[in-house]
Amino acid sequence: MSAKTAPATIAGPGELTHPFELPGLGYGHDALAPVIDAETMELHHGKHHQAYVDKLNDAVKDDASAKGKSLGELMAGVSKLPKAVRNNGGGHWNHTFFWASMTAPGKGGEPEGGLKAAIDKAFGSFDDFKSKFEAAGVGQFGSGWAWLIVNGSGELEITSTPNQDNPLMDVAEKPGKPILGNDVWEHAYYITYRNKRPDYLKAWWKVVDWSVIGQRYAEATK
């Protein structure tokens, strides 16, 4: 089954404004199989992400400090906003970013150009980067996300955040501009991988769209 709403790639997640809407995937629910199965995508996108959107709209509609702000602006000021905005705004931003990061298995290529050089410089090699990113995902206690960011020095760095936090938030322990993120909440992988988060993290590389990540890197380092 394909999502019928506009694909998430039309606007960056930070540009989205109230009333917030569930973005489409830009591909069918079965497009990422067998790495991520269709049932997981239907539940994750249509149920979990939709719930974040609905609760975010409820949280901001009567809050003068949040009304009229883009999703990116909300992320930058979550410390001054209700917790419901942090949790559900983060859920909406993170998932919109996540869907647009993926493509069918074997179609995503590998890092090229400036991104490849930056990965080699920061982590030694692409394989070393993947190992360190997987370790960040495995090491995130409970629910959360693993990220590749461009930090304040313009260098690549791996980090992780709890729950639906992200590196754009003014509460982030390691702030930066995300260019890649993987969801390590159990609902992202449990149907196929059960409790084997490391297996999910390792398989996930097959669906990363490196052309999208490369574009994000170029934008983050302008």
Protein backbone atom coordinates (compact mmCIF):
# COMPACT_ATOMS: atom_id res chain seq x y z
CA MET A 1 0.00 0.00 0.00
CA SER A 2 1.33 3.42 -0.92
CA ALA A 3 0.98 6.55 1.15
CA LYS A 4 -1.30 9.04 -0.60
CA THR A 5 -0.19 12.35 0.89
CA ALA A 6 2.54 14.58 -0.54
CA PRO A 7 6.04 13.14 -0.21
CA ALA A 8 8.22 14.39 2.62
CA THR A 9 10.89 15.57 0.20
CA ILE A 10 8.79 18.53 -0.99
CA ALA A 11 9.70 20.54 2.12
CA GLY A 12 12.39 20.05 4.70
CA PRO A 13 10.97 19.12 8.09
CA GLY A 14 12.08 22.42 9.58
CA GLU A 15 9.94 24.36 7.08
CA LEU A 16 6.63 22.73 8.02
CA THR A 17 4.09 25.00 9.68
CA HIS A 18 0.84 24.76 11.66
CA PRO A 19 -1.56 23.12 11.05
CA PHE A 20 0.91 20.28 10.71
CA GLU A 21 0.06 17.35 8.42
CA LEU A 22 1.35 13.83 7.99
CA PRO A 23 3.77 13.87 5.03
CA GLY A 24 3.72 11.08 2.48
CA LEU A 25 6.59 8.68 2.13
CA GLY A 26 7.30 9.24 -1.54
CA TYR A 27 7.35 5.43 -1.91
CA GLY A 28 5.12 2.48 -1.08
CA HIS A 29 4.94 0.92 2.37
CA ASP A 30 6.57 -2.20 0.92
CA ALA A 31 9.38 -0.33 -0.87
CA LEU A 32 11.97 -0.88 1.87
CA ALA A 33 11.30 -4.60 2.33
CA PRO A 34 12.82 -6.87 3.45
CA VAL A 35 14.95 -4.43 5.48
CA ILE A 36 11.82 -2.74 6.85
CA ASP A 37 8.63 -4.69 6.22
CA ALA A 38 5.35 -3.23 4.97
CA GLU A 39 3.48 -3.84 8.23
CA THR A 40 6.09 -1.91 10.20
CA MET A 41 5.89 0.99 7.73
CA GLU A 42 2.09 1.09 7.82
CA LEU A 43 2.05 1.22 11.63
CA HIS A 44 5.08 3.45 12.03
CA HIS A 45 4.04 6.02 9.45
CA GLY A 46 0.26 5.84 9.52
CA LYS A 47 -0.25 5.35 13.26
CA HIS A 48 2.79 6.49 15.25
CA HIS A 49 3.75 9.48 13.10
CA GLN A 50 0.10 10.51 12.67
CA ALA A 51 -0.30 10.52 16.45
CA TYR A 52 2.67 12.88 16.83
CA VAL A 53 1.14 15.23 14.25
CA ASP A 54 -2.28 15.23 15.91
CA LYS A 55 -0.88 15.81 19.40
CA LEU A 56 1.48 18.53 18.16
CA ASN A 57 -1.41 20.41 16.57
CA ASP A 58 -3.33 20.17 19.84
CA ALA A 59 -0.31 21.39 21.79
CA VAL A 60 0.32 24.53 19.72
CA LYS A 61 -3.16 25.69 18.72
CA ASP A 62 -3.83 27.51 21.99
CA ASP A 63 -0.24 28.43 22.86
CA ALA A 64 0.63 31.96 21.79
CA SER A 65 4.37 31.31 22.17
CA ALA A 66 4.21 28.44 19.66
CA LYS A 67 1.54 29.58 17.24
CA GLY A 68 2.75 30.60 13.79
CA LYS A 69 6.22 29.12 14.21
CA SER A 70 7.68 26.60 11.80
CA LEU A 71 8.62 23.18 13.04
CA GLY A 72 12.30 24.17 12.88
CA GLU A 73 11.64 27.24 15.03
CA LEU A 74 9.80 25.10 17.57
CA MET A 75 12.78 22.74 17.78
CA ALA A 76 15.17 25.63 18.38
CA GLY A 77 13.15 26.84 21.37
CA VAL A 78 11.69 23.74 23.01
CA SER A 79 13.15 24.61 26.40
CA LYS A 80 10.63 27.46 26.62
CA LEU A 81 7.66 25.48 25.30
CA PRO A 82 5.32 22.87 26.81
CA LYS A 83 6.73 19.36 27.04
CA ALA A 84 4.06 18.17 24.62
CA VAL A 85 5.63 20.36 21.92
CA ARG A 86 9.07 18.92 22.61
CA ASN A 87 7.86 15.33 22.49
CA ASN A 88 5.42 15.55 19.59
CA GLY A 89 7.24 18.22 17.62
CA GLY A 90 10.37 16.12 17.87
CA GLY A 91 8.42 13.07 16.77
CA HIS A 92 7.09 14.92 13.73
CA TRP A 93 10.45 16.45 12.75
CA ASN A 94 12.43 13.24 13.30
CA HIS A 95 10.08 11.02 11.33
CA THR A 96 9.70 13.44 8.42
CA PHE A 97 13.50 13.53 8.21
CA PHE A 98 13.74 9.74 8.59
CA TRP A 99 11.33 8.84 5.76
CA ALA A 100 13.17 11.11 3.33
CA SER A 101 16.50 9.45 4.22
CA MET A 102 15.58 6.08 2.73
CA THR A 103 15.05 4.37 -0.60
CA ALA A 104 14.62 0.82 -1.90
CA PRO A 105 17.33 -1.69 -0.91
CA GLY A 106 20.37 -1.45 -3.15
CA LYS A 107 19.33 1.90 -4.68
CA GLY A 108 20.97 4.27 -2.21
CA GLY A 109 24.58 4.06 -3.37
CA GLU A 110 27.41 5.17 -1.06
CA PRO A 111 28.80 8.52 0.11
CA GLU A 112 30.60 10.48 -2.60
CA GLY A 113 32.59 13.66 -3.02
CA GLY A 114 32.84 16.01 -0.07
CA LEU A 115 30.71 13.81 2.18
CA LYS A 116 32.93 10.78 1.58
CA ALA A 117 36.05 12.83 2.29
CA ALA A 118 34.50 14.19 5.49
CA ILE A 119 33.52 10.72 6.68
CA ASP A 120 37.02 9.40 6.04
CA LYS A 121 38.54 12.36 7.86
CA ALA A 122 36.25 12.12 10.90
CA PHE A 123 36.03 8.35 11.30
CA GLY A 124 38.86 6.76 9.31
CA SER A 125 36.73 5.00 6.72
CA PHE A 126 33.12 4.38 5.71
CA ASP A 127 33.17 0.99 7.43
CA ASP A 128 34.53 2.54 10.62
CA PHE A 129 31.81 5.19 10.47
CA LYS A 130 29.10 2.56 10.14
CA SER A 131 30.47 0.60 13.10
CA LYS A 132 30.54 3.73 15.28
CA PHE A 133 27.06 4.79 14.21
CA GLU A 134 25.70 1.33 14.97
CA ALA A 135 27.38 1.45 18.38
CA ALA A 136 25.64 4.77 19.10
CA GLY A 137 22.30 3.21 18.20
CA VAL A 138 22.88 0.08 20.29
CA GLY A 139 24.17 2.16 23.19
CA GLN A 140 21.15 4.49 23.32
CA PHE A 141 19.37 3.26 26.43
CA GLY A 142 15.66 2.74 25.83
CA SER A 143 13.94 4.66 23.05
CA GLY A 144 15.73 7.28 20.98
CA TRP A 145 17.72 8.07 17.86
CA ALA A 146 21.25 7.79 16.48
CA TRP A 147 22.47 10.78 14.43
CA LEU A 148 25.20 11.95 12.11
CA ILE A 149 25.50 15.72 12.47
CA VAL A 150 27.57 18.62 11.27
CA ASN A 151 28.70 20.22 14.52
CA GLY A 152 29.47 23.86 15.29
CA SER A 153 33.01 23.44 13.94
CA GLY A 154 31.70 22.21 10.59
CA GLU A 155 32.88 18.65 11.25
CA LEU A 156 30.96 15.39 11.22
CA GLU A 157 30.07 13.87 14.58
CA ILE A 158 27.98 10.92 15.74
CA THR A 159 25.57 11.40 18.60
CA SER A 160 22.35 10.00 20.03
CA THR A 161 19.29 11.46 21.73
CA PRO A 162 16.60 10.02 23.99
CA ASN A 163 12.91 9.76 23.16
CA GLN A 164 12.04 12.16 20.30
CA ASP A 165 14.76 14.72 20.99
CA ASN A 166 17.07 15.75 18.15
CA PRO A 167 20.30 17.77 17.77
CA LEU A 168 18.42 20.89 16.62
CA MET A 169 16.79 21.32 20.01
CA ASP A 170 18.17 23.90 22.41
CA VAL A 171 18.25 21.14 25.04
CA ALA A 172 20.53 18.85 23.00
CA GLU A 173 23.68 17.65 24.75
CA LYS A 174 25.50 17.72 21.39
CA PRO A 175 23.84 20.29 19.12
CA GLY A 176 24.34 20.36 15.39
CA LYS A 177 22.72 20.04 11.98
CA PRO A 178 21.51 16.47 11.40
CA ILE A 179 22.22 14.92 8.02
CA LEU A 180 21.32 11.31 8.92
CA GLY A 181 19.26 9.78 11.69
CA ASN A 182 18.01 6.32 12.56
CA ASP A 183 15.03 5.56 14.78
CA VAL A 184 15.87 3.01 17.48
CA TRP A 185 12.47 2.93 19.16
CA GLU A 186 11.31 -0.69 19.26
CA HIS A 187 8.30 0.03 17.06
CA ALA A 188 10.75 0.86 14.24
CA TYR A 189 12.06 -2.69 14.03
CA TYR A 190 10.35 -5.12 16.41
CA ILE A 191 8.10 -6.95 13.91
CA THR A 192 11.06 -8.12 11.83
CA TYR A 193 13.99 -8.04 14.25
CA ARG A 194 12.26 -8.61 17.62
CA ASN A 195 14.71 -7.50 20.32
CA LYS A 196 17.77 -7.61 18.04
CA ARG A 197 18.44 -3.91 17.63
CA PRO A 198 22.02 -4.51 16.38
CA ASP A 199 20.68 -6.61 13.48
CA TYR A 200 18.29 -3.83 12.50
CA LEU A 201 21.01 -1.18 12.63
CA LYS A 202 23.33 -3.28 10.47
CA ALA A 203 20.63 -4.08 7.88
CA TRP A 204 19.43 -0.47 7.71
CA TRP A 205 22.42 0.68 5.65
CA LYS A 206 20.86 -1.11 2.66
CA VAL A 207 18.06 1.47 2.50
CA VAL A 208 19.94 4.72 3.24
CA ASP A 209 19.71 7.15 0.31
CA TRP A 210 23.20 8.63 0.19
CA SER A 211 22.30 11.14 -2.51
CA VAL A 212 19.90 12.77 -0.01
CA ILE A 213 22.49 12.64 2.77
CA GLY A 214 25.07 14.20 0.46
CA GLN A 215 22.70 17.07 -0.37
CA ARG A 216 22.07 17.66 3.33
CA TYR A 217 25.80 17.71 4.01
CA ALA A 218 26.39 20.26 1.26
CA GLU A 219 23.62 22.46 2.64
CA ALA A 220 24.84 22.14 6.24
CA THR A 221 28.40 23.14 5.30
CA LYS A 222 27.64 26.10 3.01
